[in-house]
C-alpha atoms as a PDB file:
ATOM      1  CA  UNK A   1     -19.959  -3.628  89.339  1.00  0.00           C
ATOM      2  CA  UNK A   2     -16.380  -3.802  88.126  1.00  0.00           C
ATOM      3  CA  UNK A   3     -16.919  -7.302  86.819  1.00  0.00           C
ATOM      4  CA  UNK A   4     -20.066  -6.147  85.033  1.00  0.00           C
ATOM      5  CA  UNK A   5     -18.124  -3.315  83.333  1.00  0.00           C
ATOM      6  CA  UNK A   6     -15.485  -5.783  82.202  1.00  0.00           C
ATOM      7  CA  UNK A   7     -18.107  -8.014  80.636  1.00  0.00           C
ATOM      8  CA  UNK A   8     -19.669  -5.049  78.866  1.00  0.00           C
ATOM      9  CA  UNK A   9     -16.271  -3.991  77.515  1.00  0.00           C
ATOM     10  CA  UNK A  10     -15.561  -7.538  76.341  1.00  0.00           C
ATOM     11  CA  UNK A  11     -18.951  -7.706  74.689  1.00  0.00           C
ATOM     12  CA  UNK A  12     -18.357  -4.353  72.987  1.00  0.00           C
ATOM     13  CA  UNK A  13     -14.893  -5.435  71.835  1.00  0.00           C
ATOM     14  CA  UNK A  14     -16.287  -8.676  70.485  1.00  0.00           C
ATOM     15  CA  UNK A  15     -19.043  -6.823  68.642  1.00  0.00           C
ATOM     16  CA  UNK A  16     -16.553  -4.309  67.254  1.00  0.00           C
ATOM     17  CA  UNK A  17     -14.295  -7.171  66.138  1.00  0.00           C
ATOM     18  CA  UNK A  18     -17.178  -8.883  64.410  1.00  0.00           C
ATOM     19  CA  UNK A  19     -18.204  -5.672  62.655  1.00  0.00           C
ATOM     20  CA  UNK A  20     -14.594  -5.093  61.600  1.00  0.00           C
ATOM     21  CA  UNK A  21     -14.266  -8.650  60.355  1.00  0.00           C
ATOM     22  CA  UNK A  22     -17.489  -8.360  58.385  1.00  0.00           C
ATOM     23  CA  UNK A  23     -16.380  -4.994  56.955  1.00  0.00           C
ATOM     24  CA  UNK A  24     -13.007  -6.476  56.001  1.00  0.00           C
ATOM     25  CA  UNK A  25     -14.707  -9.421  54.352  1.00  0.00           C
ATOM     26  CA  UNK A  26     -16.943  -7.082  52.363  1.00  0.00           C
ATOM     27  CA  UNK A  27     -13.880  -5.013  51.459  1.00  0.00           C
ATOM     28  CA  UNK A  28     -12.008  -8.081  50.213  1.00  0.00           C
ATOM     29  CA  UNK A  29     -15.018  -9.278  48.250  1.00  0.00           C
ATOM     30  CA  UNK A  30     -15.531  -5.793  46.840  1.00  0.00           C
ATOM     31  CA  UNK A  31     -11.863  -5.542  45.858  1.00  0.00           C
ATOM     32  CA  UNK A  32     -11.929  -8.951  44.195  1.00  0.00           C
ATOM     33  CA  UNK A  33     -15.157  -8.060  42.399  1.00  0.00           C
ATOM     34  CA  UNK A  34     -13.706  -4.749  41.205  1.00  0.00           C
ATOM     35  CA  UNK A  35     -10.526  -6.546  40.088  1.00  0.00           C
ATOM     36  CA  UNK A  36     -12.595  -9.117  38.222  1.00  0.00           C
ATOM     37  CA  UNK A  37     -14.725  -6.434  36.569  1.00  0.00           C
ATOM     38  CA  UNK A  38     -11.597  -4.486  35.615  1.00  0.00           C
ATOM     39  CA  UNK A  39      -9.964  -7.558  34.092  1.00  0.00           C
ATOM     40  CA  UNK A  40     -13.158  -8.404  32.249  1.00  0.00           C
ATOM     41  CA  UNK A  41     -13.416  -4.838  30.947  1.00  0.00           C
ATOM     42  CA  UNK A  42      -9.787  -4.864  29.781  1.00  0.00           C
ATOM     43  CA  UNK A  43     -10.303  -8.253  28.150  1.00  0.00           C
ATOM     44  CA  UNK A  44     -13.380  -6.910  26.383  1.00  0.00           C
ATOM     45  CA  UNK A  45     -11.560  -3.793  25.165  1.00  0.00           C
ATOM     46  CA  UNK A  46      -8.628  -5.845  23.921  1.00  0.00           C
ATOM     47  CA  UNK A  47     -10.950  -8.367  22.265  1.00  0.00           C
ATOM     48  CA  UNK A  48     -12.825  -5.592  20.496  1.00  0.00           C
ATOM     49  CA  UNK A  49      -9.546  -4.318  19.040  1.00  0.00           C
ATOM     50  CA  UNK A  50      -8.617  -7.634  17.432  1.00  0.00           C
ATOM     51  CA  UNK A  51     -11.052  -8.570  14.685  1.00  0.00           C
ATOM     52  CA  UNK A  52     -14.583  -7.149  14.828  1.00  0.00           C
ATOM     53  CA  UNK A  53     -13.678  -3.540  14.073  1.00  0.00           C
ATOM     54  CA  UNK A  54     -11.051  -4.193  11.393  1.00  0.00           C
ATOM     55  CA  UNK A  55     -11.926  -2.627   8.045  1.00  0.00           C
ATOM     56  CA  UNK A  56      -9.982  -3.284   4.869  1.00  0.00           C
ATOM     57  CA  UNK A  57      -9.526  -0.404   2.451  1.00  0.00           C
ATOM     58  CA  UNK A  58      -8.659  -1.068  -1.156  1.00  0.00           C
ATOM     59  CA  UNK A  59      -6.809   1.916  -2.582  1.00  0.00           C
ATOM     60  CA  UNK A  60      -7.362   2.268  -6.316  1.00  0.00           C
ATOM     61  CA  UNK A  61      -4.726   4.387  -8.112  1.00  0.00           C
ATOM     62  CA  UNK A  62      -5.646   7.593  -9.855  1.00  0.00           C
ATOM     63  CA  UNK A  63      -7.019   7.307 -13.368  1.00  0.00           C
ATOM     64  CA  UNK A  64      -4.687   8.739 -16.004  1.00  0.00           C
ATOM     65  CA  UNK A  65      -5.873  10.018 -19.369  1.00  0.00           C
ATOM     66  CA  UNK A  66      -4.238   9.656 -22.767  1.00  0.00           C
ATOM     67  CA  UNK A  67      -2.146  12.764 -22.155  1.00  0.00           C
ATOM     68  CA  UNK A  68      -0.793  11.420 -18.890  1.00  0.00           C
ATOM     69  CA  UNK A  69      -2.956  13.704 -16.751  1.00  0.00           C
ATOM     70  CA  UNK A  70      -5.164  12.591 -13.908  1.00  0.00           C
ATOM     71  CA  UNK A  71      -8.827  12.365 -14.883  1.00  0.00           C
ATOM     72  CA  UNK A  72     -10.332  11.263 -11.597  1.00  0.00           C
ATOM     73  CA  UNK A  73      -9.833  11.241  -7.879  1.00  0.00           C
ATOM     74  CA  UNK A  74      -8.389   8.325  -5.984  1.00  0.00           C
ATOM     75  CA  UNK A  75     -11.209   5.940  -5.200  1.00  0.00           C
ATOM     76  CA  UNK A  76     -11.317   4.282  -1.794  1.00  0.00           C
ATOM     77  CA  UNK A  77     -13.694   1.379  -1.267  1.00  0.00           C
ATOM     78  CA  UNK A  78     -14.287   0.227   2.297  1.00  0.00           C
ATOM     79  CA  UNK A  79     -15.156  -3.317   3.225  1.00  0.00           C
ATOM     80  CA  UNK A  80     -13.503  -4.981   0.238  1.00  0.00           C
ATOM     81  CA  UNK A  81     -10.716  -7.461   0.737  1.00  0.00           C
ATOM     82  CA  UNK A  82      -8.985  -6.971  -2.606  1.00  0.00           C
ATOM     83  CA  UNK A  83      -6.769  -9.938  -3.394  1.00  0.00           C
ATOM     84  CA  UNK A  84      -6.211 -11.405   0.053  1.00  0.00           C
ATOM     85  CA  UNK A  85      -6.078 -15.175   0.241  1.00  0.00           C
ATOM     86  CA  UNK A  86      -7.923 -17.364   2.736  1.00  0.00           C
ATOM     87  CA  UNK A  87      -4.997 -17.167   5.142  1.00  0.00           C
ATOM     88  CA  UNK A  88      -4.903 -13.370   5.037  1.00  0.00           C
ATOM     89  CA  UNK A  89      -1.933 -13.218   2.700  1.00  0.00           C
ATOM     90  CA  UNK A  90      -1.923 -10.964  -0.312  1.00  0.00           C
ATOM     91  CA  UNK A  91      -1.958 -12.697  -3.663  1.00  0.00           C
ATOM     92  CA  UNK A  92      -1.285  -9.647  -5.793  1.00  0.00           C
ATOM     93  CA  UNK A  93      -3.104  -6.519  -6.836  1.00  0.00           C
ATOM     94  CA  UNK A  94      -3.817  -3.072  -5.395  1.00  0.00           C
ATOM     95  CA  UNK A  95      -2.585  -1.903  -2.028  1.00  0.00           C
ATOM     96  CA  UNK A  96      -4.571  -3.233   0.935  1.00  0.00           C
ATOM     97  CA  UNK A  97      -4.628  -0.983   3.996  1.00  0.00           C
ATOM     98  CA  UNK A  98      -6.036  -2.061   7.365  1.00  0.00           C
ATOM     99  CA  UNK A  99      -7.962   0.612   9.227  1.00  0.00           C
ATOM    100  CA  UNK A 100      -9.520   0.234  12.654  1.00  0.00           C
ATOM    101  CA  UNK A 101     -12.577   1.920  14.050  1.00  0.00           C
ATOM    102  CA  UNK A 102     -11.846   4.931  16.318  1.00  0.00           C
ATOM    103  CA  UNK A 103     -11.705   4.382  20.083  1.00  0.00           C
ATOM    104  CA  UNK A 104     -11.674   6.654  23.117  1.00  0.00           C
ATOM    105  CA  UNK A 105      -8.338   7.723  24.575  1.00  0.00           C
ATOM    106  CA  UNK A 106      -9.097   5.724  27.709  1.00  0.00           C
ATOM    107  CA  UNK A 107      -9.751   2.541  25.739  1.00  0.00           C
ATOM    108  CA  UNK A 108      -6.685   3.146  23.592  1.00  0.00           C
ATOM    109  CA  UNK A 109      -4.526   3.609  26.707  1.00  0.00           C
ATOM    110  CA  UNK A 110      -5.820   0.383  28.226  1.00  0.00           C
ATOM    111  CA  UNK A 111      -5.222  -1.488  24.980  1.00  0.00           C
ATOM    112  CA  UNK A 112      -1.682  -0.119  24.558  1.00  0.00           C
ATOM    113  CA  UNK A 113      -0.656  -1.420  28.004  1.00  0.00           C
ATOM    114  CA  UNK A 114      -2.418  -4.766  27.788  1.00  0.00           C
ATOM    115  CA  UNK A 115      -0.550  -7.939  26.737  1.00  0.00           C
ATOM    116  CA  UNK A 116      -0.824  -8.461  22.967  1.00  0.00           C
ATOM    117  CA  UNK A 117      -1.332 -11.661  21.077  1.00  0.00           C
ATOM    118  CA  UNK A 118       1.084 -11.844  18.154  1.00  0.00           C
ATOM    119  CA  UNK A 119      -0.635 -11.973  14.765  1.00  0.00           C
ATOM    120  CA  UNK A 120       0.498 -12.476  11.184  1.00  0.00           C
ATOM    121  CA  UNK A 121      -1.452 -10.808   8.384  1.00  0.00           C
ATOM    122  CA  UNK A 122      -0.793  -9.101   5.053  1.00  0.00           C
ATOM    123  CA  UNK A 123       0.636  -5.605   5.485  1.00  0.00           C
ATOM    124  CA  UNK A 124       2.486  -2.914   3.580  1.00  0.00           C
ATOM    125  CA  UNK A 125       5.380  -1.608   5.733  1.00  0.00           C
ATOM    126  CA  UNK A 126       4.975   1.786   4.042  1.00  0.00           C
ATOM    127  CA  UNK A 127       1.392   2.245   5.255  1.00  0.00           C
ATOM    128  CA  UNK A 128       0.885  -0.093   8.227  1.00  0.00           C
ATOM    129  CA  UNK A 129      -0.311   1.700  11.362  1.00  0.00           C
ATOM    130  CA  UNK A 130       1.332   1.839  14.785  1.00  0.00           C
ATOM    131  CA  UNK A 131      -1.431  -0.347  16.210  1.00  0.00           C
ATOM    132  CA  UNK A 132      -1.038  -3.019  13.545  1.00  0.00           C
ATOM    133  CA  UNK A 133       2.745  -3.042  13.949  1.00  0.00           C
ATOM    134  CA  UNK A 134       2.139  -3.900  17.599  1.00  0.00           C
ATOM    135  CA  UNK A 135      -0.269  -6.613  16.512  1.00  0.00           C
ATOM    136  CA  UNK A 136       2.488  -8.011  14.327  1.00  0.00           C
ATOM    137  CA  UNK A 137       4.668  -8.439  17.401  1.00  0.00           C
ATOM    138  CA  UNK A 138       6.617  -5.167  17.638  1.00  0.00           C
ATOM    139  CA  UNK A 139       6.796  -3.251  20.884  1.00  0.00           C
ATOM    140  CA  UNK A 140       5.324   0.251  20.943  1.00  0.00           C
ATOM    141  CA  UNK A 141       8.849   1.712  20.841  1.00  0.00           C
ATOM    142  CA  UNK A 142       9.876  -0.484  17.904  1.00  0.00           C
ATOM    143  CA  UNK A 143       6.679   0.311  16.031  1.00  0.00           C
ATOM    144  CA  UNK A 144       7.188   4.040  16.586  1.00  0.00           C
ATOM    145  CA  UNK A 145      10.737   3.745  15.191  1.00  0.00           C
ATOM    146  CA  UNK A 146       9.331   2.350  11.937  1.00  0.00           C
ATOM    147  CA  UNK A 147       6.727   5.142  11.782  1.00  0.00           C
ATOM    148  CA  UNK A 148       9.438   7.770  12.451  1.00  0.00           C
ATOM    149  CA  UNK A 149      11.561   6.363   9.614  1.00  0.00           C
ATOM    150  CA  UNK A 150       8.638   6.738   7.204  1.00  0.00           C
ATOM    151  CA  UNK A 151       7.777  10.231   8.427  1.00  0.00           C
ATOM    152  CA  UNK A 152      11.344  11.336   7.712  1.00  0.00           C
ATOM    153  CA  UNK A 153      10.973  10.268   4.082  1.00  0.00           C
ATOM    154  CA  UNK A 154      12.155   6.677   4.385  1.00  0.00           C
ATOM    155  CA  UNK A 155      10.548   4.075   2.161  1.00  0.00           C
ATOM    156  CA  UNK A 156      10.645   0.296   2.031  1.00  0.00           C
ATOM    157  CA  UNK A 157      10.899  -0.479  -1.697  1.00  0.00           C
ATOM    158  CA  UNK A 158      11.593  -4.178  -1.291  1.00  0.00           C
ATOM    159  CA  UNK A 159      11.010  -6.781   1.404  1.00  0.00           C
ATOM    160  CA  UNK A 160      14.750  -6.843   2.017  1.00  0.00           C
ATOM    161  CA  UNK A 161      14.628  -3.132   2.937  1.00  0.00           C
ATOM    162  CA  UNK A 162      12.263  -3.955   5.797  1.00  0.00           C
ATOM    163  CA  UNK A 163      14.593  -6.727   6.942  1.00  0.00           C
ATOM    164  CA  UNK A 164      17.440  -4.190   7.202  1.00  0.00           C
ATOM    165  CA  UNK A 165      15.589  -2.118   9.813  1.00  0.00           C
ATOM    166  CA  UNK A 166      17.396  -2.437  13.137  1.00  0.00           C
ATOM    167  CA  UNK A 167      14.125  -3.099  14.993  1.00  0.00           C
ATOM    168  CA  UNK A 168      13.260  -6.091  12.789  1.00  0.00           C
ATOM    169  CA  UNK A 169      14.973  -9.198  14.116  1.00  0.00           C
ATOM    170  CA  UNK A 170      15.784 -12.149  11.865  1.00  0.00           C
ATOM    171  CA  UNK A 171      13.185 -14.344  13.563  1.00  0.00           C
ATOM    172  CA  UNK A 172      10.439 -11.721  13.192  1.00  0.00           C
ATOM    173  CA  UNK A 173      11.321 -11.154   9.538  1.00  0.00           C
ATOM    174  CA  UNK A 174      11.254 -14.889   8.803  1.00  0.00           C
ATOM    175  CA  UNK A 175       7.761 -15.077  10.294  1.00  0.00           C
ATOM    176  CA  UNK A 176       6.467 -12.010   8.420  1.00  0.00           C
ATOM    177  CA  UNK A 177       8.300 -12.223   5.087  1.00  0.00           C
ATOM    178  CA  UNK A 178       5.498 -13.981   3.214  1.00  0.00           C
ATOM    179  CA  UNK A 179       2.970 -11.452   4.565  1.00  0.00           C
ATOM    180  CA  UNK A 180       4.830  -8.330   3.426  1.00  0.00           C
ATOM    181  CA  UNK A 181       3.006  -6.658   0.533  1.00  0.00           C
ATOM    182  CA  UNK A 182       4.726  -3.761  -1.248  1.00  0.00           C
ATOM    183  CA  UNK A 183       2.657  -2.867  -4.333  1.00  0.00           C
ATOM    184  CA  UNK A 184       4.614  -2.237  -7.502  1.00  0.00           C
ATOM    185  CA  UNK A 185       4.490   1.196  -9.095  1.00  0.00           C
ATOM    186  CA  UNK A 186       2.350   1.303 -12.229  1.00  0.00           C
ATOM    187  CA  UNK A 187       4.289   3.351 -14.773  1.00  0.00           C
ATOM    188  CA  UNK A 188       1.012   4.292 -16.460  1.00  0.00           C
ATOM    189  CA  UNK A 189      -0.475   5.785 -13.296  1.00  0.00           C
ATOM    190  CA  UNK A 190       2.408   7.145 -11.225  1.00  0.00           C
ATOM    191  CA  UNK A 191       3.126  10.860 -10.996  1.00  0.00           C
ATOM    192  CA  UNK A 192       6.566  12.448 -11.149  1.00  0.00           C
ATOM    193  CA  UNK A 193       6.951  12.409  -7.340  1.00  0.00           C
ATOM    194  CA  UNK A 194       6.340   8.649  -7.288  1.00  0.00           C
ATOM    195  CA  UNK A 195       8.852   8.106 -10.098  1.00  0.00           C
ATOM    196  CA  UNK A 196      11.329  10.264  -8.210  1.00  0.00           C
ATOM    197  CA  UNK A 197      11.079   7.888  -5.240  1.00  0.00           C
ATOM    198  CA  UNK A 198      12.447   5.015  -7.339  1.00  0.00           C
ATOM    199  CA  UNK A 199      16.156   4.238  -6.983  1.00  0.00           C
ATOM    200  CA  UNK A 200      18.400   5.827  -9.607  1.00  0.00           C
ATOM    201  CA  UNK A 201      15.683   8.027 -11.128  1.00  0.00           C
ATOM    202  CA  UNK A 202      15.731  11.540  -9.693  1.00  0.00           C
ATOM    203  CA  UNK A 203      13.794  14.610 -10.721  1.00  0.00           C
ATOM    204  CA  UNK A 204      15.014  14.823 -14.330  1.00  0.00           C
ATOM    205  CA  UNK A 205      14.083  11.288 -15.362  1.00  0.00           C
ATOM    206  CA  UNK A 206      10.869  11.444 -13.312  1.00  0.00           C
ATOM    207  CA  UNK A 207       9.690  14.400 -15.416  1.00  0.00           C
ATOM    208  CA  UNK A 208      10.788  12.732 -18.663  1.00  0.00           C
ATOM    209  CA  UNK A 209       8.955   9.510 -17.777  1.00  0.00           C
ATOM    210  CA  UNK A 210       5.708  11.427 -17.308  1.00  0.00           C
ATOM    211  CA  UNK A 211       6.243  13.544 -20.451  1.00  0.00           C
ATOM    212  CA  UNK A 212       7.035  10.568 -22.666  1.00  0.00           C
ATOM    213  CA  UNK A 213       4.047   8.636 -21.318  1.00  0.00           C
ATOM    214  CA  UNK A 214       1.826  11.503 -22.425  1.00  0.00           C
ATOM    215  CA  UNK A 215       3.319  11.449 -25.925  1.00  0.00           C
ATOM    216  CA  UNK A 216       2.744   7.713 -26.255  1.00  0.00           C
ATOM    217  CA  UNK A 217      -0.715   7.923 -24.673  1.00  0.00           C
ATOM    218  CA  UNK A 218       0.570   5.366 -22.170  1.00  0.00           C
ATOM    219  CA  UNK A 219       3.390   2.841 -21.977  1.00  0.00           C
ATOM    220  CA  UNK A 220       2.713  -0.551 -23.532  1.00  0.00           C
ATOM    221  CA  UNK A 221       5.698  -2.188 -21.795  1.00  0.00           C
ATOM    222  CA  UNK A 222       8.518  -1.167 -19.435  1.00  0.00           C
ATOM    223  CA  UNK A 223      11.044  -1.453 -22.304  1.00  0.00           C
ATOM    224  CA  UNK A 224       9.647   1.769 -23.762  1.00  0.00           C
ATOM    225  CA  UNK A 225      11.427   3.602 -20.961  1.00  0.00           C
ATOM    226  CA  UNK A 226      14.638   2.842 -22.862  1.00  0.00           C
ATOM    227  CA  UNK A 227      13.429   5.222 -25.574  1.00  0.00           C
ATOM    228  CA  UNK A 228      13.917   8.128 -23.169  1.00  0.00           C
ATOM    229  CA  UNK A 229      17.230   9.880 -23.804  1.00  0.00           C
ATOM    230  CA  UNK A 230      20.009   8.430 -21.582  1.00  0.00           C
ATOM    231  CA  UNK A 231      17.665   5.939 -19.899  1.00  0.00           C
ATOM    232  CA  UNK A 232      19.785   2.782 -20.208  1.00  0.00           C
ATOM    233  CA  UNK A 233      19.457  -0.947 -19.489  1.00  0.00           C
ATOM    234  CA  UNK A 234      21.157  -0.668 -16.094  1.00  0.00           C
ATOM    235  CA  UNK A 235      18.613   1.877 -14.955  1.00  0.00           C
ATOM    236  CA  UNK A 236      15.704  -0.254 -16.181  1.00  0.00           C
ATOM    237  CA  UNK A 237      17.087  -3.469 -14.652  1.00  0.00           C
ATOM    238  CA  UNK A 238      17.307  -1.687 -11.304  1.00  0.00           C
ATOM    239  CA  UNK A 239      13.555  -1.056 -11.465  1.00  0.00           C
ATOM    240  CA  UNK A 240      12.105  -4.231 -12.967  1.00  0.00           C
ATOM    241  CA  UNK A 241      11.062  -5.755  -9.640  1.00  0.00           C
ATOM    242  CA  UNK A 242       9.562  -2.451  -8.474  1.00  0.00           C
ATOM    243  CA  UNK A 243       7.362  -1.471 -11.424  1.00  0.00           C
ATOM    244  CA  UNK A 244       4.455  -2.828 -13.424  1.00  0.00           C
ATOM    245  CA  UNK A 245       2.697  -1.644 -16.578  1.00  0.00           C
ATOM    246  CA  UNK A 246      -1.086  -1.654 -16.945  1.00  0.00           C
ATOM    247  CA  UNK A 247      -2.584  -1.742 -20.433  1.00  0.00           C
ATOM    248  CA  UNK A 248      -2.885   1.758 -21.940  1.00  0.00           C
ATOM    249  CA  UNK A 249      -5.632   2.976 -24.234  1.00  0.00           C
ATOM    250  CA  UNK A 250      -4.695   2.268 -27.879  1.00  0.00           C
ATOM    251  CA  UNK A 251      -3.106   5.184 -29.711  1.00  0.00           C
ATOM    252  CA  UNK A 252      -5.276   6.486 -32.613  1.00  0.00           C
ATOM    253  CA  UNK A 253      -2.767   5.539 -35.304  1.00  0.00           C
ATOM    254  CA  UNK A 254      -4.474   3.507 -38.013  1.00  0.00           C
ATOM    255  CA  UNK A 255      -7.767   5.294 -37.513  1.00  0.00           C
ATOM    256  CA  UNK A 256      -6.280   8.710 -36.827  1.00  0.00           C
ATOM    257  CA  UNK A 257      -6.016  11.825 -38.956  1.00  0.00           C
ATOM    258  CA  UNK A 258      -2.848  13.475 -40.214  1.00  0.00           C
ATOM    259  CA  UNK A 259      -2.191  15.396 -37.002  1.00  0.00           C
ATOM    260  CA  UNK A 260      -2.634  12.442 -34.638  1.00  0.00           C
ATOM    261  CA  UNK A 261      -0.348  10.206 -36.737  1.00  0.00           C
ATOM    262  CA  UNK A 262       2.241  12.962 -37.041  1.00  0.00           C
ATOM    263  CA  UNK A 263       2.124  13.561 -33.264  1.00  0.00           C
ATOM    264  CA  UNK A 264       3.239  10.012 -32.477  1.00  0.00           C
ATOM    265  CA  UNK A 265       6.820  10.190 -31.083  1.00  0.00           C
ATOM    266  CA  UNK A 266       8.013   7.564 -33.595  1.00  0.00           C
ATOM    267  CA  UNK A 267       6.661   9.466 -36.622  1.00  0.00           C
ATOM    268  CA  UNK A 268       7.200  13.218 -36.066  1.00  0.00           C
ATOM    269  CA  UNK A 269       6.978  13.869 -39.812  1.00  0.00           C
ATOM    270  CA  UNK A 270       4.090  15.251 -41.856  1.00  0.00           C
ATOM    271  CA  UNK A 271       5.349  13.518 -45.005  1.00  0.00           C
ATOM    272  CA  UNK A 272       5.556  10.145 -43.236  1.00  0.00           C
ATOM    273  CA  UNK A 273       2.080  10.667 -41.774  1.00  0.00           C
ATOM    274  CA  UNK A 274       0.670  11.424 -45.245  1.00  0.00           C
ATOM    275  CA  UNK A 275       2.371   8.316 -46.640  1.00  0.00           C
ATOM    276  CA  UNK A 276       0.765   6.192 -43.896  1.00  0.00           C
ATOM    277  CA  UNK A 277      -2.678   7.607 -44.734  1.00  0.00           C
ATOM    278  CA  UNK A 278      -2.078   6.959 -48.446  1.00  0.00           C
ATOM    279  CA  UNK A 279      -1.009   3.368 -47.628  1.00  0.00           C
ATOM    280  CA  UNK A 280      -4.092   2.915 -45.457  1.00  0.00           C
ATOM    281  CA  UNK A 281      -6.444   4.245 -48.135  1.00  0.00           C
ATOM    282  CA  UNK A 282      -5.057   1.926 -50.803  1.00  0.00           C
ATOM    283  CA  UNK A 283      -4.756  -1.337 -48.873  1.00  0.00           C
ATOM    284  CA  UNK A 284      -7.259  -3.665 -47.170  1.00  0.00           C
ATOM    285  CA  UNK A 285      -7.455  -3.466 -43.373  1.00  0.00           C
ATOM    286  CA  UNK A 286      -5.688  -6.809 -42.877  1.00  0.00           C
ATOM    287  CA  UNK A 287      -2.543  -5.220 -44.344  1.00  0.00           C
ATOM    288  CA  UNK A 288      -2.563  -2.316 -41.898  1.00  0.00           C
ATOM    289  CA  UNK A 289       0.499  -3.531 -40.040  1.00  0.00           C
ATOM    290  CA  UNK A 290       3.854  -2.160 -38.991  1.00  0.00           C
ATOM    291  CA  UNK A 291       5.480  -4.847 -41.122  1.00  0.00           C
ATOM    292  CA  UNK A 292       3.442  -3.622 -44.101  1.00  0.00           C
ATOM    293  CA  UNK A 293       4.656  -0.043 -43.592  1.00  0.00           C
ATOM    294  CA  UNK A 294       8.248  -1.302 -43.348  1.00  0.00           C
ATOM    295  CA  UNK A 295       7.966  -3.354 -46.578  1.00  0.00           C
ATOM    296  CA  UNK A 296       6.463  -0.341 -48.319  1.00  0.00           C
ATOM    297  CA  UNK A 297       9.488   1.718 -47.329  1.00  0.00           C
ATOM    298  CA  UNK A 298       7.382   4.232 -45.382  1.00  0.00           C
ATOM    299  CA  UNK A 299       9.149   3.713 -42.059  1.00  0.00           C
ATOM    300  CA  UNK A 300      12.645   2.593 -41.108  1.00  0.00           C
ATOM    301  CA  UNK A 301      13.514  -0.624 -39.299  1.00  0.00           C
ATOM    302  CA  UNK A 302      14.231   1.391 -36.137  1.00  0.00           C
ATOM    303  CA  UNK A 303      10.807   2.999 -36.339  1.00  0.00           C
ATOM    304  CA  UNK A 304       9.237  -0.410 -36.958  1.00  0.00           C
ATOM    305  CA  UNK A 305      10.914  -1.873 -33.860  1.00  0.00           C
ATOM    306  CA  UNK A 306       9.685   0.959 -31.658  1.00  0.00           C
ATOM    307  CA  UNK A 307       6.178   1.069 -33.153  1.00  0.00           C
ATOM    308  CA  UNK A 308       5.797  -2.696 -32.689  1.00  0.00           C
ATOM    309  CA  UNK A 309       5.966  -2.135 -28.941  1.00  0.00           C
ATOM    310  CA  UNK A 310       3.054   0.316 -29.036  1.00  0.00           C
ATOM    311  CA  UNK A 311      -0.597  -0.485 -28.641  1.00  0.00           C
ATOM    312  CA  UNK A 312      -2.189   1.059 -31.744  1.00  0.00           C
ATOM    313  CA  UNK A 313      -5.673   1.261 -33.206  1.00  0.00           C
END
């Protein structure tokens, strides 16, 4: 009887061991399956954040009228690649901003902790997102430092400004330098706040730049900034690599009436305006030139120099 009990106990122990072993095997397989599924899910989330959901936004500056005022809202066109080259580098033109499709907080958390592949693509350090900074090879902390600098009013005016950031190492800058795109400020479309952000300008000159643009009906070249009182060559030279000048609408000069001719900042005289109209009425159209007005003694050589810079019709 005792021996029979022992055998039963051994049989029960063996059965229990087998059940435990099978349960452990299922547990291991289940754990490995769950781990595999988790890794696959993370890989899928990370993969979906790389290319498929990237949208390029081309920001078109505000439209400015002849008086220097805005005549239309900023236009944003999604899905256009602007002037990006085949390798993703910018080849000039409007600002290109990368935007990504929205994701859940859970997916974003998984992506932020997953290993990142380092990419190189065209970006504006003044608008690039936290996510794209991480794509460019910055850690989350480094990327946040760049965002914090911008949020406190900091601005990268030149590529060299980005290189001076303490979170941008020399090796990273060398890799990204050719991809940095900082659009120039169009002096025919910028507002006073944008002008104020330029080095050496300040509030006074920012207002004068907008006011004088309205009087001219648009700048024809950056050198016309020198016609603003106390705006000198040093100030202009400090801006040349930061600004551009789009073609303005022609000023109604040759086809204008007395008031429009008189209103031009290089005329300012009713008698001179009447003399221009008299000259126009008594000469063929091919002689309607600034040089013709100068030879006729209607304008001075200084006026001729300044008017020759203007786009007139």
